[in-house]
Protein backbone atom coordinates (compact mmCIF):
# COMPACT_ATOMS: atom_id res chain seq x y z
CA MET A 1 -19.38 14.31 -11.06
CA LYS A 2 -16.43 12.05 -11.73
CA LEU A 3 -14.37 13.68 -9.03
CA THR A 4 -16.70 12.70 -6.20
CA ALA A 5 -15.46 9.09 -5.87
CA PRO A 6 -11.73 9.95 -5.85
CA ILE A 7 -12.23 12.75 -3.36
CA ALA A 8 -14.30 10.52 -1.09
CA LEU A 9 -11.63 7.82 -1.35
CA ALA A 10 -8.87 10.27 -0.48
CA ILE A 11 -10.76 11.62 2.50
CA SER A 12 -11.55 8.09 3.70
CA LEU A 13 -7.93 7.05 3.42
CA LEU A 14 -6.77 10.11 5.30
CA LEU A 15 -9.30 9.55 8.08
CA VAL A 16 -8.41 5.86 8.40
CA ALA A 17 -4.74 6.70 8.38
CA GLY A 18 -5.20 9.40 10.97
CA CYS A 19 -7.17 7.15 13.31
CA SER A 20 -5.01 4.04 13.13
CA HIS A 21 -1.58 3.35 14.56
CA GLN A 22 0.27 2.78 11.29
CA ASP A 23 3.57 4.45 10.62
CA THR A 24 3.80 7.90 9.07
CA GLU A 25 5.52 6.61 5.90
CA LYS A 26 2.55 4.42 5.05
CA THR A 27 0.16 7.32 5.69
CA LYS A 28 2.22 9.49 3.35
CA GLU A 29 2.13 6.81 0.63
CA GLU A 30 -1.63 6.39 0.92
CA ALA A 31 -2.16 10.14 0.78
CA ALA A 32 0.08 10.32 -2.32
CA LYS A 33 -1.91 7.53 -4.03
CA ALA A 34 -5.20 9.20 -3.20
CA THR A 35 -3.91 12.52 -4.51
CA GLN A 36 -2.73 10.84 -7.72
CA GLN A 37 -6.22 9.36 -8.24
CA ILE A 38 -7.77 12.79 -7.75
CA LYS A 39 -5.26 14.28 -10.18
CA GLU A 40 -6.07 11.64 -12.84
CA GLY A 41 -9.79 12.12 -12.30
CA SER A 42 -9.38 15.86 -12.71
CA LYS A 43 -7.60 15.38 -16.05
CA VAL A 44 -10.42 13.17 -17.32
CA ALA A 45 -13.01 15.68 -16.14
CA ALA A 46 -11.10 18.51 -17.85
CA VAL A 47 -11.09 16.62 -21.15
CA GLU A 48 -14.85 15.99 -20.87
CA LEU A 49 -15.47 19.62 -19.97
CA LYS A 50 -13.44 20.78 -22.97
CA LYS A 51 -15.57 18.58 -25.27
CA ASP A 52 -18.76 19.98 -23.73
CA VAL A 53 -17.54 23.56 -24.15
CA LYS A 54 -16.76 22.94 -27.84
CA GLU A 55 -20.22 21.44 -28.39
CA ALA A 56 -21.88 24.36 -26.57
CA ALA A 57 -19.95 26.84 -28.73
CA LYS A 58 -21.00 24.95 -31.87
CA GLN A 59 -24.67 24.97 -30.82
CA THR A 60 -24.52 28.67 -29.89
CA LYS A 61 -23.06 29.51 -33.29
CA ALA A 62 -25.80 27.49 -35.03
CA ALA A 63 -28.49 29.31 -33.02
CA ALA A 64 -26.98 32.70 -33.89
CA GLU A 65 -26.89 31.77 -37.58
CA GLY A 66 -30.54 30.72 -37.38
CA VAL A 67 -31.52 34.05 -35.82
CA LYS A 68 -29.60 35.91 -38.52
CA GLN A 69 -31.26 33.84 -41.24
CA GLY A 70 -34.68 34.48 -39.72
CA LEU A 71 -34.07 38.22 -39.61
CA GLN A 72 -32.88 38.26 -43.23
CA THR A 73 -35.89 36.33 -44.52
CA PRO A 74 -38.20 38.83 -46.19
CA ASP A 75 -41.50 39.38 -44.45
CA LYS A 76 -44.59 38.17 -46.25
CA ALA A 77 -46.51 40.92 -47.95
CA VAL A 78 -49.54 42.14 -46.03
CA ASN A 79 -52.78 41.61 -47.95
CA VAL A 80 -54.54 44.99 -47.73
CA ASN A 81 -57.90 43.36 -48.52
CA SER A 82 -57.91 40.88 -45.63
CA ALA A 83 -55.37 42.10 -43.05
CA THR A 84 -56.54 43.05 -39.60
CA LYS A 85 -55.93 46.52 -38.20
CA VAL A 86 -53.05 45.16 -36.10
CA GLN A 87 -51.46 43.46 -39.14
CA LEU A 88 -51.72 46.69 -41.15
CA GLN A 89 -50.04 48.57 -38.27
CA THR A 90 -46.94 46.38 -38.71
CA LEU A 91 -46.30 48.24 -41.98
CA PRO A 92 -43.84 51.16 -41.77
CA GLY A 93 -45.57 54.41 -40.82
CA VAL A 94 -49.06 52.89 -40.58
CA ASP A 95 -50.78 53.92 -37.37
CA GLU A 96 -54.28 53.07 -36.17
CA GLU A 97 -55.90 55.91 -38.12
CA THR A 98 -54.14 54.96 -41.36
CA ALA A 99 -55.04 51.29 -40.86
CA ASN A 100 -58.69 52.31 -40.43
CA ARG A 101 -58.56 54.28 -43.71
CA ILE A 102 -57.05 51.29 -45.54
CA ILE A 103 -59.78 49.02 -44.18
CA ALA A 104 -62.52 51.53 -45.09
CA GLY A 105 -61.24 51.74 -48.68
CA ARG A 106 -61.53 48.01 -49.38
CA PRO A 107 -61.59 46.23 -51.75
CA TYR A 108 -58.47 47.06 -53.75
CA HIS A 109 -57.86 45.49 -57.17
CA THR A 110 -54.19 46.56 -57.34
CA THR A 111 -51.70 47.69 -54.74
CA ASP A 112 -51.37 51.03 -56.54
CA GLU A 113 -55.00 51.83 -55.67
CA VAL A 114 -53.97 52.23 -52.03
CA GLY A 115 -51.88 55.20 -53.13
CA THR A 116 -53.96 56.57 -56.02
CA ARG A 117 -57.24 56.66 -54.04
CA GLY A 118 -55.60 58.91 -51.44
CA VAL A 119 -56.03 56.35 -48.65
CA VAL A 120 -52.42 57.02 -47.68
CA SER A 121 -50.10 59.90 -48.50
CA PRO A 122 -47.57 59.50 -51.34
CA ASP A 123 -44.76 59.18 -48.77
CA GLU A 124 -46.66 56.53 -46.81
CA PHE A 125 -47.39 54.62 -50.01
CA THR A 126 -43.70 54.70 -51.00
CA ALA A 127 -42.82 53.23 -47.59
CA ILE A 128 -45.35 50.36 -47.81
CA LYS A 129 -45.72 49.57 -51.52
CA SER A 130 -43.13 46.77 -51.51
CA LYS A 131 -44.67 45.27 -48.37
CA ILE A 132 -48.32 45.04 -49.45
CA ALA A 133 -50.26 42.72 -51.71
CA VAL A 134 -53.77 42.41 -53.13
CA LYS A 135 -55.24 38.92 -53.20
C-alpha cells in the first residue's frame, strides 16, 4: 500500500518528537508535515482506487455480456442417430425411457421419422423437432 510509508513516517516523527526535549512548536510543525504527507498519499491512493474500480466495472460488464451471448447462442442440434442417452435427455421432455426408445429405433433417415414411427408422442416430437438432427 502507498499509505504505509507516510503513516510509518508520521508515527516515527511523533515518537521522536515525544521522546526528545525539543519545543512543542517544533513538534506541532513536524506532526503537521507528517499529516500533510499522509493526506497527499491518501489522495493518490484514492485516485488509483477509482481507476481500479472503473476497470473492475468494465471487466464485470464484459463478463456479463459474454454470459448473455453464450445463453443466446442456439444449442447445437442433437443427432438422434449417434447421441448418448444422456445427450438425448437434454432435449425438452425426453426422460430416460424416451431416450431408450429413440436409441432402439435407430437409424433414422429424417428427423420426421422420430415422430412418424411413434417413438415419441406428437407433443414430444413438437417439443424436440427443432432441436434434433439426422446425420
